[in-house]
């Protein structure tokens, strides 16, 4: 930081132009060094941001791929659930048809025996 010029008193001689230039040159060199340091820091931060941006893009791609996979699995589950519902419905129909067939057989056997139950063996 540049120090403000002190107030001259009658006992102090005025600061020479050479010393003022030296003081200014030192201050400018210090500022220049800080600028170089800050530039290097900014370069590192920019590189970090670029790496983070690439990482986020990669994560986004993975999320997109997983979303696609989840959608495919969900569609498959929906298809299987629909097929299972159809299978349950068909099983209920088959059970009813089987009961009807058994009842027809029992009716036939009863009619054949004159209405009495089938003989026991």
N, C-alpha and C. Protein backbone atom coordinates (compact mmCIF):
# COMPACT_ATOMS: atom_id res chain seq x y z
N UNK A 1 0.85 -1.17 0.00
CA UNK A 1 0.00 0.00 0.00
C UNK A 1 0.89 1.23 0.00
N UNK A 2 0.49 2.23 -0.74
CA UNK A 2 1.28 3.47 -0.84
C UNK A 2 0.99 4.31 0.40
N UNK A 3 2.06 4.73 1.02
CA UNK A 3 1.90 5.56 2.21
C UNK A 3 1.71 7.01 1.78
N UNK A 4 0.80 7.69 2.42
CA UNK A 4 0.61 9.10 2.06
C UNK A 4 1.84 9.90 2.50
N UNK A 5 2.11 10.93 1.75
CA UNK A 5 3.26 11.80 2.03
C UNK A 5 3.01 12.52 3.35
N UNK A 6 4.01 12.49 4.17
CA UNK A 6 3.87 13.17 5.46
C UNK A 6 3.99 14.66 5.27
N UNK A 7 3.38 15.36 6.17
CA UNK A 7 3.41 16.83 6.10
C UNK A 7 4.82 17.28 6.44
N UNK A 8 5.32 18.15 5.60
CA UNK A 8 6.68 18.65 5.83
C UNK A 8 6.64 19.73 6.92
N UNK A 9 7.64 19.62 7.72
CA UNK A 9 7.81 20.68 8.73
C UNK A 9 9.01 21.51 8.33
N UNK A 10 9.21 22.52 9.01
CA UNK A 10 10.32 23.42 8.69
C UNK A 10 11.65 22.72 8.87
N UNK A 11 11.70 21.67 9.70
CA UNK A 11 12.97 20.98 9.97
C UNK A 11 13.27 19.91 8.92
N UNK A 12 12.25 19.45 8.16
CA UNK A 12 12.48 18.40 7.17
C UNK A 12 12.66 19.02 5.79
N UNK A 13 13.68 18.53 5.11
CA UNK A 13 13.85 19.02 3.74
C UNK A 13 12.80 18.36 2.84
N UNK A 14 12.41 18.97 1.73
CA UNK A 14 11.45 18.36 0.83
C UNK A 14 12.02 17.05 0.23
N UNK A 15 11.13 16.11 -0.05
CA UNK A 15 11.55 14.83 -0.63
C UNK A 15 12.04 15.06 -2.05
N UNK A 16 13.16 14.40 -2.35
CA UNK A 16 13.72 14.61 -3.68
C UNK A 16 12.88 13.88 -4.72
N UNK A 17 12.98 14.37 -5.93
CA UNK A 17 12.25 13.76 -7.03
C UNK A 17 12.71 12.32 -7.21
N UNK A 18 13.99 12.08 -7.05
CA UNK A 18 14.55 10.72 -7.21
C UNK A 18 13.95 9.76 -6.18
N UNK A 19 13.85 10.20 -4.93
CA UNK A 19 13.29 9.31 -3.90
C UNK A 19 11.79 9.09 -4.13
N UNK A 20 11.11 10.11 -4.60
CA UNK A 20 9.69 9.95 -4.91
C UNK A 20 9.50 8.93 -6.03
N UNK A 21 10.35 9.05 -7.08
CA UNK A 21 10.29 8.08 -8.19
C UNK A 21 10.62 6.67 -7.69
N UNK A 22 11.57 6.54 -6.83
CA UNK A 22 11.96 5.24 -6.28
C UNK A 22 10.80 4.65 -5.49
N UNK A 23 10.18 5.49 -4.65
CA UNK A 23 9.04 5.04 -3.86
C UNK A 23 7.89 4.60 -4.78
N UNK A 24 7.61 5.39 -5.82
CA UNK A 24 6.55 5.04 -6.77
C UNK A 24 6.90 3.76 -7.54
N UNK A 25 8.16 3.62 -7.94
CA UNK A 25 8.60 2.43 -8.66
C UNK A 25 8.43 1.19 -7.79
N UNK A 26 8.78 1.31 -6.51
CA UNK A 26 8.63 0.19 -5.58
C UNK A 26 7.16 -0.18 -5.43
N UNK A 27 6.32 0.84 -5.32
CA UNK A 27 4.88 0.60 -5.18
C UNK A 27 4.34 -0.08 -6.44
N UNK A 28 4.76 0.39 -7.61
CA UNK A 28 4.29 -0.20 -8.86
C UNK A 28 4.78 -1.64 -9.01
N UNK A 29 6.02 -1.90 -8.60
CA UNK A 29 6.53 -3.27 -8.65
C UNK A 29 5.70 -4.20 -7.74
N UNK A 30 5.36 -3.70 -6.57
CA UNK A 30 4.55 -4.48 -5.64
C UNK A 30 3.18 -4.76 -6.25
N UNK A 31 2.57 -3.73 -6.83
CA UNK A 31 1.28 -3.91 -7.49
C UNK A 31 1.42 -4.90 -8.64
N UNK A 32 2.49 -4.77 -9.43
CA UNK A 32 2.71 -5.68 -10.55
C UNK A 32 2.85 -7.12 -10.09
N UNK A 33 3.58 -7.34 -8.99
CA UNK A 33 3.73 -8.70 -8.46
C UNK A 33 2.38 -9.26 -8.01
N UNK A 34 1.59 -8.40 -7.38
CA UNK A 34 0.26 -8.85 -6.94
C UNK A 34 -0.62 -9.19 -8.15
N UNK A 35 -0.52 -8.39 -9.19
CA UNK A 35 -1.31 -8.65 -10.40
C UNK A 35 -0.90 -10.00 -11.00
N UNK A 36 0.41 -10.27 -11.05
CA UNK A 36 0.89 -11.55 -11.58
C UNK A 36 0.38 -12.70 -10.71
N UNK A 37 0.45 -12.52 -9.41
CA UNK A 37 -0.05 -13.55 -8.50
C UNK A 37 -1.55 -13.76 -8.69
N UNK A 38 -2.29 -12.67 -8.80
CA UNK A 38 -3.73 -12.78 -9.00
C UNK A 38 -4.05 -13.40 -10.36
N UNK A 39 -3.27 -13.06 -11.39
CA UNK A 39 -3.48 -13.67 -12.71
C UNK A 39 -3.29 -15.18 -12.63
N UNK A 40 -2.23 -15.60 -11.92
CA UNK A 40 -1.98 -17.04 -11.77
C UNK A 40 -3.13 -17.70 -11.02
N UNK A 41 -3.61 -17.04 -9.99
CA UNK A 41 -4.73 -17.58 -9.22
C UNK A 41 -5.98 -17.67 -10.10
N UNK A 42 -6.22 -16.64 -10.88
CA UNK A 42 -7.37 -16.63 -11.79
C UNK A 42 -7.25 -17.75 -12.81
N UNK A 43 -6.03 -17.96 -13.34
CA UNK A 43 -5.82 -19.05 -14.30
C UNK A 43 -6.15 -20.40 -13.67
N UNK A 44 -5.72 -20.60 -12.42
CA UNK A 44 -6.01 -21.85 -11.73
C UNK A 44 -7.53 -21.99 -11.52
N UNK A 45 -8.18 -20.91 -11.11
CA UNK A 45 -9.62 -20.95 -10.90
C UNK A 45 -10.37 -21.23 -12.20
N UNK A 46 -9.92 -20.62 -13.29
CA UNK A 46 -10.56 -20.87 -14.59
C UNK A 46 -10.39 -22.34 -14.98
N UNK A 47 -9.19 -22.88 -14.77
CA UNK A 47 -8.95 -24.30 -15.08
C UNK A 47 -9.85 -25.18 -14.22
N UNK A 48 -9.98 -24.83 -12.94
CA UNK A 48 -10.86 -25.61 -12.05
C UNK A 48 -12.31 -25.54 -12.51
N UNK A 49 -12.74 -24.36 -12.92
CA UNK A 49 -14.12 -24.20 -13.41
C UNK A 49 -14.33 -25.01 -14.67
N UNK A 50 -13.33 -25.01 -15.56
CA UNK A 50 -13.45 -25.80 -16.79
C UNK A 50 -13.55 -27.29 -16.46
N UNK A 51 -12.72 -27.75 -15.50
CA UNK A 51 -12.77 -29.16 -15.10
C UNK A 51 -14.12 -29.49 -14.47
N UNK A 52 -14.61 -28.60 -13.63
CA UNK A 52 -15.92 -28.83 -13.01
C UNK A 52 -17.02 -28.85 -14.06
N UNK A 53 -16.92 -27.98 -15.05
CA UNK A 53 -17.91 -27.96 -16.14
C UNK A 53 -17.89 -29.28 -16.90
N UNK A 54 -16.70 -29.80 -17.16
CA UNK A 54 -16.59 -31.10 -17.84
C UNK A 54 -17.17 -32.21 -16.97
N UNK A 55 -16.89 -32.15 -15.67
CA UNK A 55 -17.42 -33.16 -14.76
C UNK A 55 -18.94 -33.11 -14.71
N UNK A 56 -19.49 -31.90 -14.67
CA UNK A 56 -20.95 -31.75 -14.65
C UNK A 56 -21.54 -32.29 -15.95
N UNK A 57 -20.89 -32.01 -17.06
CA UNK A 57 -21.38 -32.52 -18.35
C UNK A 57 -21.35 -34.05 -18.35
N UNK A 58 -20.29 -34.64 -17.81
CA UNK A 58 -20.20 -36.10 -17.74
C UNK A 58 -21.29 -36.67 -16.84
N UNK A 59 -21.52 -36.02 -15.71
CA UNK A 59 -22.58 -36.48 -14.80
C UNK A 59 -23.94 -36.34 -15.49
N UNK A 60 -24.15 -35.25 -16.21
CA UNK A 60 -25.41 -35.07 -16.94
C UNK A 60 -25.62 -36.18 -17.96
N UNK A 61 -24.53 -36.57 -18.64
CA UNK A 61 -24.64 -37.66 -19.61
C UNK A 61 -25.01 -38.97 -18.91
N UNK A 62 -24.38 -39.21 -17.76
CA UNK A 62 -24.70 -40.43 -17.00
C UNK A 62 -26.16 -40.41 -16.54
N UNK A 63 -26.60 -39.26 -16.05
CA UNK A 63 -27.99 -39.13 -15.60
C UNK A 63 -28.93 -39.36 -16.78
N UNK A 64 -28.60 -38.80 -17.93
CA UNK A 64 -29.44 -39.01 -19.12
C UNK A 64 -29.50 -40.49 -19.49
N UNK A 65 -28.33 -41.17 -19.44
CA UNK A 65 -28.30 -42.60 -19.76
C UNK A 65 -29.11 -43.39 -18.74
N UNK A 66 -28.96 -43.06 -17.46
CA UNK A 66 -29.72 -43.76 -16.43
C UNK A 66 -31.22 -43.49 -16.58
N UNK A 67 -31.57 -42.27 -16.94
CA UNK A 67 -32.98 -41.94 -17.16
C UNK A 67 -33.54 -42.77 -18.30
N UNK A 68 -32.77 -42.90 -19.36
CA UNK A 68 -33.20 -43.73 -20.49
C UNK A 68 -33.38 -45.18 -20.04
N UNK A 69 -32.42 -45.68 -19.25
CA UNK A 69 -32.53 -47.06 -18.75
C UNK A 69 -33.74 -47.23 -17.84
N UNK A 70 -33.96 -46.27 -16.95
CA UNK A 70 -35.11 -46.34 -16.05
C UNK A 70 -36.40 -46.32 -16.85
N UNK A 71 -36.47 -45.47 -17.85
CA UNK A 71 -37.67 -45.41 -18.69
C UNK A 71 -37.91 -46.75 -19.40
N UNK A 72 -36.84 -47.36 -19.90
CA UNK A 72 -36.97 -48.66 -20.57
C UNK A 72 -37.42 -49.73 -19.58
N UNK A 73 -36.83 -49.73 -18.39
CA UNK A 73 -37.22 -50.72 -17.37
C UNK A 73 -38.67 -50.49 -16.95
N UNK A 74 -39.04 -49.23 -16.77
CA UNK A 74 -40.42 -48.91 -16.39
C UNK A 74 -41.40 -49.40 -17.46
N UNK A 75 -41.06 -49.17 -18.72
CA UNK A 75 -41.92 -49.64 -19.81
C UNK A 75 -42.02 -51.16 -19.78
N UNK A 76 -40.91 -51.83 -19.52
CA UNK A 76 -40.90 -53.31 -19.46
C UNK A 76 -41.76 -53.79 -18.28
N UNK A 77 -41.62 -53.12 -17.14
CA UNK A 77 -42.43 -53.48 -15.97
C UNK A 77 -43.90 -53.28 -16.26
N UNK A 78 -44.23 -52.16 -16.91
CA UNK A 78 -45.63 -51.91 -17.27
C UNK A 78 -46.15 -53.01 -18.19
N UNK A 79 -45.32 -53.41 -19.14
CA UNK A 79 -45.71 -54.47 -20.06
C UNK A 79 -45.91 -55.78 -19.32
N UNK A 80 -44.98 -56.10 -18.42
CA UNK A 80 -45.10 -57.34 -17.64
C UNK A 80 -46.32 -57.30 -16.71
N UNK A 81 -46.58 -56.14 -16.12
CA UNK A 81 -47.75 -56.00 -15.25
C UNK A 81 -49.03 -56.19 -16.05
N UNK A 82 -49.07 -55.63 -17.24
CA UNK A 82 -50.23 -55.80 -18.10
C UNK A 82 -50.40 -57.27 -18.48
N UNK A 83 -49.31 -57.91 -18.84
CA UNK A 83 -49.36 -59.33 -19.20
C UNK A 83 -49.80 -60.18 -18.01
N UNK A 84 -49.30 -59.82 -16.80
CA UNK A 84 -49.70 -60.57 -15.60
C UNK A 84 -51.19 -60.40 -15.34
N UNK A 85 -51.71 -59.20 -15.54
CA UNK A 85 -53.14 -58.97 -15.36
C UNK A 85 -53.95 -59.81 -16.35
N UNK A 86 -53.48 -59.86 -17.60
CA UNK A 86 -54.17 -60.67 -18.61
C UNK A 86 -54.10 -62.15 -18.24
N UNK A 87 -52.92 -62.58 -17.74
CA UNK A 87 -52.74 -63.98 -17.34
C UNK A 87 -53.67 -64.34 -16.18
N UNK A 88 -53.80 -63.42 -15.19
CA UNK A 88 -54.70 -63.66 -14.07
C UNK A 88 -56.15 -63.76 -14.56
N UNK A 89 -56.49 -62.87 -15.47
CA UNK A 89 -57.85 -62.90 -16.02
C UNK A 89 -58.10 -64.21 -16.77
N UNK A 90 -57.14 -64.63 -17.57
CA UNK A 90 -57.28 -65.88 -18.31
C UNK A 90 -57.34 -67.07 -17.36
N UNK A 91 -56.54 -67.02 -16.27
CA UNK A 91 -56.58 -68.10 -15.28
C UNK A 91 -57.95 -68.19 -14.63
N UNK A 92 -58.55 -67.04 -14.34
CA UNK A 92 -59.90 -67.04 -13.76
C UNK A 92 -60.90 -67.64 -14.74
N UNK A 93 -60.77 -67.28 -16.01
CA UNK A 93 -61.65 -67.83 -17.05
C UNK A 93 -61.46 -69.34 -17.14
N UNK A 94 -60.17 -69.77 -17.17
CA UNK A 94 -59.87 -71.21 -17.26
C UNK A 94 -60.43 -71.96 -16.05
N UNK A 95 -60.29 -71.38 -14.83
CA UNK A 95 -60.84 -72.04 -13.64
C UNK A 95 -62.36 -72.20 -13.76
N UNK A 96 -63.00 -71.14 -14.23
CA UNK A 96 -64.46 -71.21 -14.37
C UNK A 96 -64.85 -72.26 -15.41
N UNK A 97 -64.13 -72.30 -16.52
CA UNK A 97 -64.41 -73.30 -17.55
C UNK A 97 -64.16 -74.71 -17.00
N UNK A 98 -63.13 -74.87 -16.19
CA UNK A 98 -62.82 -76.16 -15.60
C UNK A 98 -63.94 -76.57 -14.65
N UNK A 99 -64.40 -75.63 -13.82
CA UNK A 99 -65.53 -75.92 -12.91
C UNK A 99 -66.77 -76.32 -13.71
N UNK A 100 -67.01 -75.57 -14.78
CA UNK A 100 -68.18 -75.89 -15.62
C UNK A 100 -68.04 -77.29 -16.20
N UNK A 101 -66.84 -77.64 -16.66
CA UNK A 101 -66.61 -78.97 -17.22
C UNK A 101 -66.82 -80.04 -16.16
N UNK A 102 -66.32 -79.82 -14.96
CA UNK A 102 -66.50 -80.79 -13.87
C UNK A 102 -67.98 -80.93 -13.55
N UNK A 103 -68.67 -79.80 -13.48
CA UNK A 103 -70.12 -79.86 -13.21
C UNK A 103 -70.86 -80.62 -14.31
N UNK A 104 -70.44 -80.42 -15.56
CA UNK A 104 -71.08 -81.14 -16.67
C UNK A 104 -70.81 -82.64 -16.53
N UNK A 105 -69.59 -82.99 -16.18
CA UNK A 105 -69.24 -84.41 -16.01
C UNK A 105 -70.06 -85.01 -14.87
N UNK A 106 -70.15 -84.27 -13.74
CA UNK A 106 -70.93 -84.76 -12.60
C UNK A 106 -72.40 -84.91 -12.98
N UNK A 107 -72.93 -83.93 -13.72
CA UNK A 107 -74.33 -84.01 -14.16
C UNK A 107 -74.53 -85.21 -15.07
N UNK A 108 -73.61 -85.45 -15.97
CA UNK A 108 -73.68 -86.59 -16.88
C UNK A 108 -73.68 -87.90 -16.09
N UNK A 109 -72.75 -87.97 -15.12
CA UNK A 109 -72.65 -89.19 -14.34
C UNK A 109 -73.91 -89.41 -13.50
N UNK A 110 -74.48 -88.33 -12.95
CA UNK A 110 -75.71 -88.44 -12.18
C UNK A 110 -76.87 -88.90 -13.07
N UNK A 111 -76.94 -88.28 -14.26
CA UNK A 111 -78.00 -88.66 -15.20
C UNK A 111 -77.85 -90.12 -15.63
N UNK A 112 -76.68 -90.57 -15.81
CA UNK A 112 -76.39 -91.93 -16.26
C UNK A 112 -76.77 -92.94 -15.18
N UNK A 113 -76.64 -92.53 -13.92
CA UNK A 113 -76.98 -93.41 -12.81
C UNK A 113 -78.40 -93.19 -12.33
N UNK A 114 -79.18 -92.51 -13.09
CA UNK A 114 -80.57 -92.28 -12.71
C UNK A 114 -80.71 -91.25 -11.60
N UNK A 115 -79.84 -90.32 -11.51
CA UNK A 115 -79.93 -89.26 -10.53
C UNK A 115 -79.25 -89.57 -9.22
N UNK A 116 -78.72 -90.79 -9.07
CA UNK A 116 -78.03 -91.13 -7.82
C UNK A 116 -76.54 -90.76 -7.96
N UNK A 117 -75.89 -90.58 -6.84
CA UNK A 117 -74.48 -90.25 -6.92
C UNK A 117 -73.69 -91.38 -7.57
N UNK A 118 -72.53 -91.07 -8.10
CA UNK A 118 -71.73 -92.12 -8.71
C UNK A 118 -71.34 -93.20 -7.69
N UNK A 119 -71.18 -94.44 -8.13
CA UNK A 119 -70.85 -95.52 -7.19
C UNK A 119 -69.50 -95.26 -6.52
N UNK A 120 -69.45 -95.69 -5.27
CA UNK A 120 -68.20 -95.56 -4.51
C UNK A 120 -67.41 -96.86 -4.69
N UNK A 121 -66.18 -96.74 -4.86
CA UNK A 121 -65.35 -97.95 -5.04
C UNK A 121 -64.52 -98.22 -3.84
